Amino acid sequence: MKNSKKSLVIQSPYVIPTGPMLPYMDTLQVPPEKTTILTNSLASTANVMAYSGHIKHINAMVKRDVNVLEYQGPDSIHAKTFIFDDRLSAIGAFNMDARSVFLNTESMVVIDSVEFTQSLEKEMSHYYKKSLKVARDESYIEDPNLKPGKVSWFKSFSIKGLSYITDLFQHLL
């Protein structure tokens, strides 16, 4: 990531940066507008607890002009994929969160191949087509071909409430 210059794509079920992760994004050589994070929306997330930590960081990412795309499908994204400069791919179990950084033993396979990366991006395009871009005010940028996924009031209420609890733990990292 540090050596990337052209583009950065991160696909993860959720993104919960540790204290140093967000400022690190500011030191990258990749322009923020060439950085894309593809993740679950509130409607598609299967991990309520993780998403409750994720929602606290969406605004910080979009305010850095990072393209945050939230998948609206009836299922959820579980893939963990990184693409650097349209040529280097990393696929594995590493979530963008403190558990993966400090607690769990996560692994990634790194593949240096333009052809593989093109194939991977083609597969990811299915998710892009069912994703909406998050605006600076945390609403979605409208897409005439896609509506935001439906969210029950109970799920919305639960995640908002849990976000206050996860925020307490986040400050410990």
N, C-alpha and C. Protein backbone atom coordinates (compact mmCIF):
# COMPACT_ATOMS: atom_id res chain seq x y z
N MET A 1 0.84 -1.19 0.00
CA MET A 1 0.00 0.00 0.00
C MET A 1 0.88 1.24 0.00
N LYS A 2 1.91 1.18 0.79
CA LYS A 2 2.80 2.33 0.92
C LYS A 2 3.47 2.69 -0.41
N ASN A 3 3.74 1.69 -1.25
CA ASN A 3 4.43 1.94 -2.52
C ASN A 3 3.48 2.17 -3.69
N SER A 4 2.20 2.07 -3.46
CA SER A 4 1.24 2.30 -4.54
C SER A 4 1.23 3.77 -4.93
N LYS A 5 1.05 4.02 -6.22
CA LYS A 5 1.05 5.39 -6.70
C LYS A 5 -0.19 5.73 -7.50
N LYS A 6 -0.78 4.74 -8.16
CA LYS A 6 -1.85 4.98 -9.12
C LYS A 6 -3.25 4.75 -8.54
N SER A 7 -3.45 3.61 -7.87
CA SER A 7 -4.80 3.30 -7.38
C SER A 7 -4.74 2.29 -6.25
N LEU A 8 -5.81 2.30 -5.46
CA LEU A 8 -5.94 1.38 -4.34
C LEU A 8 -7.40 0.98 -4.23
N VAL A 9 -7.66 -0.32 -4.18
CA VAL A 9 -9.01 -0.84 -3.98
C VAL A 9 -8.98 -1.75 -2.76
N ILE A 10 -9.92 -1.52 -1.86
CA ILE A 10 -10.07 -2.36 -0.67
C ILE A 10 -11.50 -2.89 -0.67
N GLN A 11 -11.64 -4.20 -0.61
CA GLN A 11 -12.94 -4.83 -0.47
C GLN A 11 -12.93 -5.55 0.87
N SER A 12 -13.86 -5.19 1.73
CA SER A 12 -13.90 -5.77 3.07
C SER A 12 -15.34 -5.68 3.59
N PRO A 13 -15.77 -6.64 4.40
CA PRO A 13 -17.15 -6.59 4.91
C PRO A 13 -17.45 -5.33 5.71
N TYR A 14 -16.41 -4.78 6.32
CA TYR A 14 -16.52 -3.55 7.11
C TYR A 14 -15.12 -2.99 7.27
N VAL A 15 -15.03 -1.73 7.61
CA VAL A 15 -13.74 -1.08 7.83
C VAL A 15 -13.81 -0.36 9.16
N ILE A 16 -12.98 -0.82 10.09
CA ILE A 16 -12.91 -0.18 11.41
C ILE A 16 -11.44 0.14 11.66
N PRO A 17 -10.98 1.31 11.21
CA PRO A 17 -9.56 1.63 11.32
C PRO A 17 -9.13 1.83 12.77
N THR A 18 -7.92 1.40 13.05
CA THR A 18 -7.32 1.69 14.34
C THR A 18 -6.89 3.16 14.31
N GLY A 19 -6.48 3.69 15.44
CA GLY A 19 -6.05 5.09 15.52
C GLY A 19 -5.07 5.50 14.43
N PRO A 20 -4.02 4.73 14.17
CA PRO A 20 -3.04 5.13 13.15
C PRO A 20 -3.48 4.90 11.69
N MET A 21 -4.52 4.11 11.47
CA MET A 21 -4.89 3.77 10.08
C MET A 21 -5.41 4.95 9.27
N LEU A 22 -6.33 5.74 9.79
CA LEU A 22 -6.87 6.85 9.00
C LEU A 22 -5.82 7.91 8.68
N PRO A 23 -5.02 8.36 9.65
CA PRO A 23 -3.96 9.31 9.29
C PRO A 23 -2.96 8.71 8.30
N TYR A 24 -2.77 7.39 8.35
CA TYR A 24 -1.87 6.73 7.40
C TYR A 24 -2.38 6.91 5.98
N MET A 25 -3.70 6.90 5.79
CA MET A 25 -4.27 7.10 4.47
C MET A 25 -3.82 8.45 3.88
N ASP A 26 -3.62 9.44 4.73
CA ASP A 26 -3.19 10.76 4.26
C ASP A 26 -1.75 10.77 3.76
N THR A 27 -0.96 9.76 4.15
CA THR A 27 0.45 9.73 3.75
C THR A 27 0.67 8.93 2.47
N LEU A 28 -0.37 8.29 1.97
CA LEU A 28 -0.22 7.48 0.77
C LEU A 28 0.01 8.35 -0.45
N GLN A 29 0.68 7.77 -1.44
CA GLN A 29 0.94 8.48 -2.69
C GLN A 29 -0.25 8.41 -3.64
N VAL A 30 -1.16 7.47 -3.40
CA VAL A 30 -2.35 7.33 -4.24
C VAL A 30 -3.30 8.49 -3.94
N PRO A 31 -3.74 9.21 -4.95
CA PRO A 31 -4.71 10.28 -4.69
C PRO A 31 -5.98 9.70 -4.06
N PRO A 32 -6.57 10.38 -3.09
CA PRO A 32 -7.76 9.84 -2.42
C PRO A 32 -8.88 9.46 -3.39
N GLU A 33 -9.06 10.25 -4.44
CA GLU A 33 -10.13 9.96 -5.39
C GLU A 33 -9.86 8.69 -6.21
N LYS A 34 -8.63 8.17 -6.14
CA LYS A 34 -8.27 6.91 -6.80
C LYS A 34 -8.24 5.75 -5.80
N THR A 35 -8.77 6.02 -4.61
CA THR A 35 -8.88 4.99 -3.58
C THR A 35 -10.35 4.63 -3.43
N THR A 36 -10.63 3.34 -3.52
CA THR A 36 -12.00 2.85 -3.43
C THR A 36 -12.10 1.82 -2.33
N ILE A 37 -13.10 1.99 -1.49
CA ILE A 37 -13.41 1.00 -0.46
C ILE A 37 -14.80 0.46 -0.76
N LEU A 38 -14.88 -0.84 -1.00
CA LEU A 38 -16.13 -1.52 -1.27
C LEU A 38 -16.48 -2.34 -0.04
N THR A 39 -17.62 -2.04 0.54
CA THR A 39 -17.99 -2.68 1.80
C THR A 39 -19.50 -2.87 1.86
N ASN A 40 -19.97 -3.47 2.91
CA ASN A 40 -21.40 -3.70 3.10
C ASN A 40 -22.11 -2.42 3.52
N SER A 41 -23.37 -2.35 3.17
CA SER A 41 -24.25 -1.29 3.66
C SER A 41 -24.93 -1.80 4.93
N LEU A 42 -25.63 -0.91 5.58
CA LEU A 42 -26.43 -1.31 6.73
C LEU A 42 -27.42 -2.39 6.34
N ALA A 43 -27.98 -2.29 5.15
CA ALA A 43 -28.96 -3.27 4.69
C ALA A 43 -28.34 -4.64 4.45
N SER A 44 -27.11 -4.68 3.96
CA SER A 44 -26.53 -5.97 3.58
C SER A 44 -25.63 -6.60 4.63
N THR A 45 -25.24 -5.86 5.65
CA THR A 45 -24.30 -6.42 6.61
C THR A 45 -24.88 -7.63 7.35
N ALA A 46 -24.04 -8.62 7.53
CA ALA A 46 -24.43 -9.80 8.31
C ALA A 46 -23.84 -9.73 9.72
N ASN A 47 -22.91 -8.79 9.93
CA ASN A 47 -22.22 -8.69 11.21
C ASN A 47 -22.61 -7.37 11.88
N VAL A 48 -23.65 -7.42 12.66
CA VAL A 48 -24.19 -6.22 13.29
C VAL A 48 -23.17 -5.55 14.21
N MET A 49 -22.45 -6.34 14.99
CA MET A 49 -21.49 -5.77 15.93
C MET A 49 -20.35 -5.06 15.18
N ALA A 50 -19.81 -5.70 14.16
CA ALA A 50 -18.72 -5.07 13.39
C ALA A 50 -19.23 -3.82 12.67
N TYR A 51 -20.41 -3.89 12.10
CA TYR A 51 -20.93 -2.73 11.37
C TYR A 51 -21.17 -1.56 12.32
N SER A 52 -21.51 -1.86 13.56
CA SER A 52 -21.72 -0.77 14.53
C SER A 52 -20.42 -0.01 14.78
N GLY A 53 -19.28 -0.67 14.66
CA GLY A 53 -17.99 0.02 14.75
C GLY A 53 -17.63 0.74 13.46
N HIS A 54 -18.04 0.15 12.36
CA HIS A 54 -17.74 0.70 11.04
C HIS A 54 -18.43 2.06 10.80
N ILE A 55 -19.69 2.20 11.23
CA ILE A 55 -20.43 3.43 10.90
C ILE A 55 -19.80 4.68 11.49
N LYS A 56 -19.02 4.53 12.54
CA LYS A 56 -18.36 5.70 13.15
C LYS A 56 -17.24 6.25 12.27
N HIS A 57 -16.80 5.48 11.28
CA HIS A 57 -15.64 5.87 10.48
C HIS A 57 -15.96 6.22 9.03
N ILE A 58 -17.18 6.01 8.61
CA ILE A 58 -17.55 6.28 7.23
C ILE A 58 -17.28 7.75 6.89
N ASN A 59 -17.70 8.66 7.75
CA ASN A 59 -17.56 10.08 7.48
C ASN A 59 -16.10 10.48 7.32
N ALA A 60 -15.22 9.95 8.16
CA ALA A 60 -13.80 10.29 8.07
C ALA A 60 -13.22 9.83 6.74
N MET A 61 -13.70 8.71 6.23
CA MET A 61 -13.19 8.21 4.95
C MET A 61 -13.68 9.08 3.79
N VAL A 62 -14.97 9.40 3.76
CA VAL A 62 -15.48 10.20 2.63
C VAL A 62 -14.98 11.64 2.70
N LYS A 63 -14.72 12.16 3.88
CA LYS A 63 -14.17 13.52 4.00
C LYS A 63 -12.73 13.59 3.47
N ARG A 64 -12.07 12.44 3.37
CA ARG A 64 -10.73 12.37 2.77
C ARG A 64 -10.83 12.17 1.26
N ASP A 65 -12.05 12.24 0.71
CA ASP A 65 -12.32 12.05 -0.71
C ASP A 65 -12.10 10.62 -1.19
N VAL A 66 -12.08 9.68 -0.27
CA VAL A 66 -12.01 8.27 -0.63
C VAL A 66 -13.39 7.85 -1.14
N ASN A 67 -13.41 7.05 -2.19
CA ASN A 67 -14.67 6.54 -2.73
C ASN A 67 -15.13 5.36 -1.87
N VAL A 68 -16.16 5.57 -1.09
CA VAL A 68 -16.73 4.50 -0.27
C VAL A 68 -18.00 4.04 -0.96
N LEU A 69 -17.99 2.78 -1.38
CA LEU A 69 -19.14 2.18 -2.03
C LEU A 69 -19.74 1.14 -1.10
N GLU A 70 -21.04 1.23 -0.88
CA GLU A 70 -21.70 0.28 0.01
C GLU A 70 -22.63 -0.63 -0.79
N TYR A 71 -22.37 -1.91 -0.65
CA TYR A 71 -23.11 -2.94 -1.35
C TYR A 71 -24.54 -3.02 -0.82
N GLN A 72 -25.51 -3.06 -1.73
CA GLN A 72 -26.93 -3.02 -1.36
C GLN A 72 -27.64 -4.36 -1.55
N GLY A 73 -26.91 -5.39 -1.90
CA GLY A 73 -27.53 -6.67 -2.22
C GLY A 73 -28.24 -7.33 -1.05
N PRO A 74 -29.01 -8.36 -1.34
CA PRO A 74 -29.71 -9.07 -0.27
C PRO A 74 -28.75 -9.93 0.56
N ASP A 75 -27.61 -10.28 -0.02
CA ASP A 75 -26.57 -11.01 0.70
C ASP A 75 -25.53 -10.01 1.17
N SER A 76 -24.39 -10.48 1.65
CA SER A 76 -23.37 -9.53 2.11
C SER A 76 -22.01 -9.88 1.52
N ILE A 77 -21.15 -8.89 1.50
CA ILE A 77 -19.76 -9.10 1.08
C ILE A 77 -19.02 -9.72 2.25
N HIS A 78 -18.28 -10.77 1.97
CA HIS A 78 -17.43 -11.34 3.01
C HIS A 78 -15.97 -11.37 2.55
N ALA A 79 -15.74 -11.06 1.28
CA ALA A 79 -14.39 -11.10 0.71
C ALA A 79 -13.50 -10.02 1.31
N LYS A 80 -12.24 -10.35 1.40
CA LYS A 80 -11.22 -9.38 1.82
C LYS A 80 -10.19 -9.32 0.71
N THR A 81 -10.21 -8.23 -0.02
CA THR A 81 -9.38 -8.10 -1.22
C THR A 81 -8.74 -6.71 -1.25
N PHE A 82 -7.48 -6.68 -1.66
CA PHE A 82 -6.77 -5.43 -1.87
C PHE A 82 -6.19 -5.47 -3.27
N ILE A 83 -6.29 -4.37 -4.00
CA ILE A 83 -5.67 -4.27 -5.32
C ILE A 83 -4.84 -2.99 -5.33
N PHE A 84 -3.58 -3.14 -5.65
CA PHE A 84 -2.64 -2.02 -5.66
C PHE A 84 -2.19 -1.75 -7.09
N ASP A 85 -2.39 -0.52 -7.56
CA ASP A 85 -1.92 -0.08 -8.88
C ASP A 85 -2.34 -1.00 -10.03
N ASP A 86 -3.52 -1.57 -9.94
CA ASP A 86 -4.08 -2.41 -11.01
C ASP A 86 -3.20 -3.60 -11.38
N ARG A 87 -2.32 -4.02 -10.45
CA ARG A 87 -1.45 -5.14 -10.81
C ARG A 87 -1.19 -6.09 -9.64
N LEU A 88 -1.12 -5.59 -8.44
CA LEU A 88 -0.80 -6.43 -7.29
C LEU A 88 -2.08 -6.67 -6.50
N SER A 89 -2.42 -7.95 -6.30
CA SER A 89 -3.66 -8.30 -5.58
C SER A 89 -3.31 -9.05 -4.31
N ALA A 90 -4.09 -8.81 -3.28
CA ALA A 90 -3.97 -9.56 -2.03
C ALA A 90 -5.37 -10.04 -1.65
N ILE A 91 -5.49 -11.32 -1.42
CA ILE A 91 -6.78 -11.93 -1.09
C ILE A 91 -6.58 -12.81 0.13
N GLY A 92 -7.51 -12.72 1.07
CA GLY A 92 -7.36 -13.58 2.25
C GLY A 92 -8.36 -13.29 3.33
N ALA A 93 -7.91 -13.38 4.57
CA ALA A 93 -8.78 -13.31 5.73
C ALA A 93 -8.65 -12.01 6.51
N PHE A 94 -7.83 -11.08 6.05
CA PHE A 94 -7.53 -9.85 6.80
C PHE A 94 -8.65 -8.82 6.65
N ASN A 95 -9.40 -8.58 7.72
CA ASN A 95 -10.39 -7.51 7.76
C ASN A 95 -9.66 -6.21 8.10
N MET A 96 -10.26 -5.10 7.72
CA MET A 96 -9.69 -3.79 8.05
C MET A 96 -10.17 -3.39 9.43
N ASP A 97 -9.61 -4.04 10.46
CA ASP A 97 -9.99 -3.73 11.84
C ASP A 97 -8.86 -4.12 12.80
N ALA A 98 -9.00 -3.72 14.04
CA ALA A 98 -7.97 -3.97 15.05
C ALA A 98 -7.81 -5.46 15.36
N ARG A 99 -8.90 -6.21 15.30
CA ARG A 99 -8.80 -7.65 15.58
C ARG A 99 -7.85 -8.32 14.59
N SER A 100 -7.96 -7.96 13.33
CA SER A 100 -7.08 -8.56 12.32
C SER A 100 -5.64 -8.06 12.48
N VAL A 101 -5.47 -6.83 12.93
CA VAL A 101 -4.14 -6.26 13.08
C VAL A 101 -3.43 -6.81 14.32
N PHE A 102 -4.14 -6.88 15.44
CA PHE A 102 -3.49 -7.18 16.72
C PHE A 102 -3.84 -8.52 17.35
N LEU A 103 -4.98 -9.11 17.04
CA LEU A 103 -5.44 -10.26 17.80
C LEU A 103 -5.46 -11.55 16.99
N ASN A 104 -6.16 -11.56 15.89
CA ASN A 104 -6.29 -12.77 15.08
C ASN A 104 -5.04 -13.03 14.26
N THR A 105 -4.85 -14.26 13.90
CA THR A 105 -3.79 -14.61 12.97
C THR A 105 -4.44 -14.69 11.60
N GLU A 106 -4.27 -13.66 10.81
CA GLU A 106 -4.89 -13.57 9.49
C GLU A 106 -3.83 -13.79 8.42
N SER A 107 -4.25 -14.30 7.29
CA SER A 107 -3.31 -14.51 6.20
C SER A 107 -3.88 -13.94 4.90
N MET A 108 -2.98 -13.59 4.01
CA MET A 108 -3.33 -13.06 2.69
C MET A 108 -2.40 -13.72 1.68
N VAL A 109 -2.93 -13.97 0.50
CA VAL A 109 -2.13 -14.43 -0.63
C VAL A 109 -1.91 -13.21 -1.52
N VAL A 110 -0.67 -12.95 -1.88
CA VAL A 110 -0.34 -11.80 -2.71
C VAL A 110 0.04 -12.31 -4.10
N ILE A 111 -0.60 -11.74 -5.11
CA ILE A 111 -0.38 -12.18 -6.49
C ILE A 111 0.01 -10.96 -7.32
N ASP A 112 1.17 -11.04 -7.93
CA ASP A 112 1.68 -9.96 -8.78
C ASP A 112 1.41 -10.34 -10.23
N SER A 113 0.24 -9.93 -10.73
CA SER A 113 -0.16 -10.29 -12.09
C SER A 113 -1.23 -9.35 -12.58
N VAL A 114 -0.96 -8.67 -13.67
CA VAL A 114 -1.94 -7.77 -14.27
C VAL A 114 -3.16 -8.58 -14.73
N GLU A 115 -2.92 -9.73 -15.33
CA GLU A 115 -4.02 -10.57 -15.83
C GLU A 115 -4.92 -11.04 -14.70
N PHE A 116 -4.32 -11.49 -13.60
CA PHE A 116 -5.13 -11.94 -12.46
C PHE A 116 -5.93 -10.77 -11.89
N THR A 117 -5.29 -9.63 -11.76
CA THR A 117 -5.97 -8.45 -11.21
C THR A 117 -7.14 -8.04 -12.10
N GLN A 118 -6.97 -8.09 -13.39
CA GLN A 118 -8.07 -7.76 -14.30
C GLN A 118 -9.23 -8.73 -14.11
N SER A 119 -8.93 -10.00 -13.95
CA SER A 119 -9.96 -11.01 -13.72
C SER A 119 -10.66 -10.77 -12.38
N LEU A 120 -9.88 -10.44 -11.37
CA LEU A 120 -10.44 -10.15 -10.04
C LEU A 120 -11.34 -8.92 -10.10
N GLU A 121 -10.91 -7.87 -10.77
CA GLU A 121 -11.73 -6.66 -10.90
C GLU A 121 -13.02 -6.95 -11.65
N LYS A 122 -12.97 -7.83 -12.63
CA LYS A 122 -14.18 -8.22 -13.35
C LYS A 122 -15.17 -8.91 -12.41
N GLU A 123 -14.68 -9.77 -11.55
CA GLU A 123 -15.55 -10.43 -10.57
C GLU A 123 -16.11 -9.41 -9.57
N MET A 124 -15.30 -8.47 -9.16
CA MET A 124 -15.75 -7.46 -8.21
C MET A 124 -16.76 -6.51 -8.83
N SER A 125 -16.75 -6.37 -10.15
CA SER A 125 -17.67 -5.46 -10.82
C SER A 125 -19.13 -5.83 -10.56
N HIS A 126 -19.40 -7.10 -10.27
CA HIS A 126 -20.76 -7.52 -9.93
C HIS A 126 -21.22 -6.82 -8.65
N TYR A 127 -20.30 -6.64 -7.72
CA TYR A 127 -20.61 -5.94 -6.47
C TYR A 127 -20.74 -4.44 -6.71
N TYR A 128 -19.87 -3.89 -7.56
CA TYR A 128 -19.95 -2.46 -7.86
C TYR A 128 -21.31 -2.08 -8.44
N LYS A 129 -21.83 -2.92 -9.30
CA LYS A 129 -23.13 -2.65 -9.94
C LYS A 129 -24.27 -2.61 -8.93
N LYS A 130 -24.08 -3.24 -7.77
CA LYS A 130 -25.11 -3.28 -6.74
C LYS A 130 -24.70 -2.44 -5.52
N SER A 131 -23.86 -1.44 -5.77
CA SER A 131 -23.36 -0.59 -4.68
C SER A 131 -23.65 0.87 -4.94
N LEU A 132 -23.84 1.61 -3.86
CA LEU A 132 -24.05 3.05 -3.94
C LEU A 132 -22.89 3.77 -3.28
N LYS A 133 -22.50 4.90 -3.87
CA LYS A 133 -21.41 5.71 -3.32
C LYS A 133 -21.94 6.54 -2.16
N VAL A 134 -21.15 6.60 -1.10
CA VAL A 134 -21.50 7.40 0.08
C VAL A 134 -21.04 8.84 -0.15
N ALA A 135 -21.96 9.77 0.06
CA ALA A 135 -21.66 11.20 -0.08
C ALA A 135 -21.05 11.74 1.21
N ARG A 136 -20.57 12.96 1.16
CA ARG A 136 -19.95 13.58 2.34
C ARG A 136 -20.90 13.70 3.53
N ASP A 137 -22.20 13.80 3.26
CA ASP A 137 -23.16 13.89 4.37
C ASP A 137 -23.65 12.50 4.81
N GLU A 138 -22.97 11.45 4.33
CA GLU A 138 -23.25 10.06 4.65
C GLU A 138 -24.54 9.53 4.03
N SER A 139 -25.16 10.31 3.16
CA SER A 139 -26.30 9.80 2.39
C SER A 139 -25.69 9.08 1.17
N TYR A 140 -26.54 8.54 0.35
CA TYR A 140 -26.05 7.90 -0.88
C TYR A 140 -26.20 8.85 -2.05
N ILE A 141 -25.24 8.80 -2.95
CA ILE A 141 -25.37 9.51 -4.21
C ILE A 141 -26.35 8.70 -5.05
N GLU A 142 -27.40 9.35 -5.51
CA GLU A 142 -28.47 8.64 -6.20
C GLU A 142 -27.98 7.98 -7.48
N ASP A 143 -28.52 6.79 -7.71
CA ASP A 143 -28.27 6.03 -8.92
C ASP A 143 -29.64 5.58 -9.43
N PRO A 144 -30.03 6.01 -10.63
CA PRO A 144 -31.36 5.66 -11.13
C PRO A 144 -31.57 4.16 -11.30
N ASN A 145 -30.48 3.40 -11.35
CA ASN A 145 -30.58 1.96 -11.56
C ASN A 145 -30.58 1.16 -10.26
N LEU A 146 -30.42 1.83 -9.13
CA LEU A 146 -30.28 1.09 -7.87
C LEU A 146 -30.86 1.88 -6.71
N LYS A 147 -31.64 1.22 -5.93
CA LYS A 147 -32.21 1.82 -4.72
C LYS A 147 -31.48 1.27 -3.50
N PRO A 148 -31.37 2.06 -2.44
CA PRO A 148 -30.76 1.55 -1.21
C PRO A 148 -31.54 0.34 -0.68
N GLY A 149 -30.80 -0.59 -0.09
CA GLY A 149 -31.43 -1.77 0.49
C GLY A 149 -32.35 -1.38 1.64
N LYS A 150 -33.34 -2.18 1.87
CA LYS A 150 -34.29 -1.94 2.96
C LYS A 150 -33.67 -2.37 4.29
N VAL A 151 -33.91 -1.56 5.32
CA VAL A 151 -33.39 -1.83 6.65
C VAL A 151 -34.54 -1.74 7.64
N SER A 152 -34.69 -2.76 8.46
CA SER A 152 -35.75 -2.73 9.47
C SER A 152 -35.39 -1.70 10.54
N TRP A 153 -36.38 -1.15 11.18
CA TRP A 153 -36.14 -0.17 12.23
C TRP A 153 -35.36 -0.83 13.37
N PHE A 154 -35.61 -2.11 13.62
CA PHE A 154 -34.93 -2.81 14.71
C PHE A 154 -33.43 -2.93 14.42
N LYS A 155 -33.07 -3.30 13.20
CA LYS A 155 -31.66 -3.43 12.83
C LYS A 155 -30.97 -2.07 12.91
N SER A 156 -31.61 -1.05 12.39
CA SER A 156 -31.06 0.30 12.42
C SER A 156 -30.85 0.78 13.85
N PHE A 157 -31.86 0.59 14.68
CA PHE A 157 -31.79 0.99 16.08
C PHE A 157 -30.70 0.22 16.81
N SER A 158 -30.61 -1.09 16.57
CA SER A 158 -29.62 -1.94 17.24
C SER A 158 -28.20 -1.51 16.89
N ILE A 159 -27.96 -1.27 15.61
CA ILE A 159 -26.61 -0.90 15.19
C ILE A 159 -26.23 0.48 15.72
N LYS A 160 -27.16 1.41 15.70
CA LYS A 160 -26.85 2.76 16.25
C LYS A 160 -26.53 2.65 17.74
N GLY A 161 -27.32 1.87 18.47
CA GLY A 161 -27.07 1.69 19.90
C GLY A 161 -25.74 1.00 20.16
N LEU A 162 -25.46 -0.06 19.42
CA LEU A 162 -24.20 -0.77 19.58
C LEU A 162 -23.01 0.09 19.21
N SER A 163 -23.21 1.06 18.31
CA SER A 163 -22.10 1.90 17.90
C SER A 163 -21.52 2.70 19.07
N TYR A 164 -22.35 3.03 20.04
CA TYR A 164 -21.84 3.76 21.21
C TYR A 164 -20.97 2.85 22.07
N ILE A 165 -21.36 1.58 22.15
CA ILE A 165 -20.57 0.61 22.92
C ILE A 165 -19.25 0.32 22.21
N THR A 166 -19.30 0.07 20.90
CA THR A 166 -18.07 -0.22 20.17
C THR A 166 -17.14 0.99 20.15
N ASP A 167 -17.68 2.17 20.21
CA ASP A 167 -16.87 3.38 20.25
C ASP A 167 -16.02 3.43 21.52
N LEU A 168 -16.57 2.96 22.63
CA LEU A 168 -15.81 2.89 23.88
C LEU A 168 -14.59 1.99 23.73
N PHE A 169 -14.79 0.82 23.09
CA PHE A 169 -13.69 -0.11 22.88
C PHE A 169 -12.67 0.44 21.88
N GLN A 170 -13.14 1.17 20.88
CA GLN A 170 -12.25 1.73 19.86
C GLN A 170 -11.24 2.68 20.49
N HIS A 171 -11.66 3.42 21.49
CA HIS A 171 -10.75 4.37 22.13
C HIS A 171 -9.66 3.67 22.94
N LEU A 172 -9.84 2.40 23.22
CA LEU A 172 -8.83 1.65 23.96
C LEU A 172 -7.66 1.24 23.05
N LEU A 173 -7.87 1.30 21.73
CA LEU A 173 -6.83 0.82 20.79
C LEU A 173 -5.86 1.92 20.44
